[in-house]
Amino acid sequence: MKIQQFLQKGQVENVGDVYLHTQLFAYRIAKHYNISLGEVYNMSDELFTQSLAWAMAVEEEQKKDAELQRTKASTSQEVVSLDYDFLNAEDF
């Protein structure tokens, strides 16, 4: 349950949180590249950092694209009916 508490806090407050944060980064890399956590933990520090940077950048772009698609979908589906009966009035 420490993981759930860490995720809810959203910030690093102590040494244990630093360890959990590192695990979270490792998980993100493993998920992004579809590799095992063991492979992630065997990476050099430089490769870990580079892989994390790319994974986070791609996730951010995917999030932006999803938001854009959601916005387009919600605005392009709107249908407005117009009443032109006022044009038939004699006073017009």
Protein backbone atom coordinates (compact mmCIF):
# COMPACT_ATOMS: atom_id res chain seq x y z
CA MET A 1 0.00 0.00 0.00
CA LYS A 2 3.05 2.25 0.13
CA ILE A 3 2.86 2.56 -3.65
CA GLN A 4 -0.73 3.83 -3.54
CA GLN A 5 0.19 6.37 -0.86
CA PHE A 6 3.17 7.52 -2.92
CA LEU A 7 1.06 7.91 -6.06
CA GLN A 8 -1.60 9.87 -4.17
CA LYS A 9 0.99 12.26 -2.68
CA GLY A 10 2.57 12.91 -6.03
CA GLN A 11 5.80 14.19 -4.51
CA VAL A 12 8.99 12.90 -2.93
CA GLU A 13 9.09 13.52 0.81
CA ASN A 14 11.65 11.03 2.13
CA VAL A 15 14.25 8.44 1.14
CA GLY A 16 11.62 5.74 0.72
CA ASP A 17 9.81 7.95 -1.77
CA VAL A 18 13.02 8.35 -3.79
CA TYR A 19 13.23 4.57 -4.09
CA LEU A 20 9.57 4.34 -5.15
CA HIS A 21 10.07 7.17 -7.63
CA THR A 22 12.99 5.28 -9.20
CA GLN A 23 10.81 2.18 -9.43
CA LEU A 24 8.08 4.24 -11.08
CA PHE A 25 10.56 5.50 -13.67
CA ALA A 26 11.77 1.95 -14.28
CA TYR A 27 8.18 0.80 -14.76
CA ARG A 28 7.51 3.60 -17.27
CA ILE A 29 10.60 2.63 -19.28
CA ALA A 30 9.71 -1.06 -19.22
CA LYS A 31 6.15 -0.37 -20.30
CA HIS A 32 7.17 2.06 -23.05
CA TYR A 33 9.81 -0.21 -24.59
CA ASN A 34 7.93 -3.44 -23.78
CA ILE A 35 10.88 -4.90 -21.86
CA SER A 36 11.20 -6.48 -18.42
CA LEU A 37 12.04 -4.58 -15.28
CA GLY A 38 15.17 -6.73 -15.02
CA GLU A 39 16.36 -5.37 -18.35
CA VAL A 40 15.67 -1.84 -17.18
CA TYR A 41 17.60 -2.36 -13.94
CA ASN A 42 20.54 -3.71 -15.95
CA MET A 43 20.78 -0.50 -18.00
CA SER A 44 23.63 1.91 -17.47
CA ASP A 45 22.71 5.17 -15.75
CA GLU A 46 23.14 7.04 -19.04
CA LEU A 47 20.91 4.64 -20.97
CA PHE A 48 18.32 4.67 -18.18
CA THR A 49 18.19 8.47 -18.21
CA GLN A 50 17.98 8.67 -22.00
CA SER A 51 15.30 5.97 -22.17
CA LEU A 52 13.27 7.70 -19.48
CA ALA A 53 13.50 11.06 -21.24
CA TRP A 54 12.25 9.59 -24.51
CA ALA A 55 9.51 7.57 -22.85
CA MET A 56 8.23 10.62 -20.97
CA ALA A 57 8.39 12.82 -24.08
CA VAL A 58 6.43 10.30 -26.13
CA GLU A 59 3.86 9.85 -23.35
CA GLU A 60 3.39 13.63 -23.21
CA GLU A 61 2.87 13.84 -26.98
CA GLN A 62 0.40 10.96 -26.84
CA LYS A 63 -1.48 12.73 -24.05
CA LYS A 64 -1.64 15.95 -26.11
CA ASP A 65 -2.82 14.05 -29.20
CA ALA A 66 -5.50 12.23 -27.20
CA GLU A 67 -6.73 15.53 -25.74
CA LEU A 68 -6.82 17.09 -29.21
CA GLN A 69 -8.76 14.14 -30.60
CA ARG A 70 -11.18 14.26 -27.67
CA THR A 71 -11.73 17.97 -28.22
CA LYS A 72 -12.29 17.49 -31.94
CA ALA A 73 -14.72 14.65 -31.32
CA SER A 74 -16.77 16.63 -28.84
CA THR A 75 -17.00 19.77 -31.00
CA SER A 76 -17.50 18.24 -34.44
CA GLN A 77 -20.50 16.12 -33.46
CA GLU A 78 -22.74 19.01 -32.50
CA VAL A 79 -25.85 19.48 -34.67
CA VAL A 80 -27.81 22.70 -34.50
CA SER A 81 -31.28 22.98 -35.99
CA LEU A 82 -32.36 26.37 -37.26
CA ASP A 83 -35.90 27.68 -37.51
CA TYR A 84 -36.44 29.86 -40.60
CA ASP A 85 -40.17 30.35 -40.11
CA PHE A 86 -39.60 34.03 -39.35
CA LEU A 87 -38.74 34.53 -43.05
CA ASN A 88 -42.36 33.74 -43.95
CA ALA A 89 -43.70 36.56 -41.79
CA GLU A 90 -45.21 39.53 -43.64
CA ASP A 91 -43.35 42.08 -41.52
CA PHE A 92 -39.98 40.73 -42.50
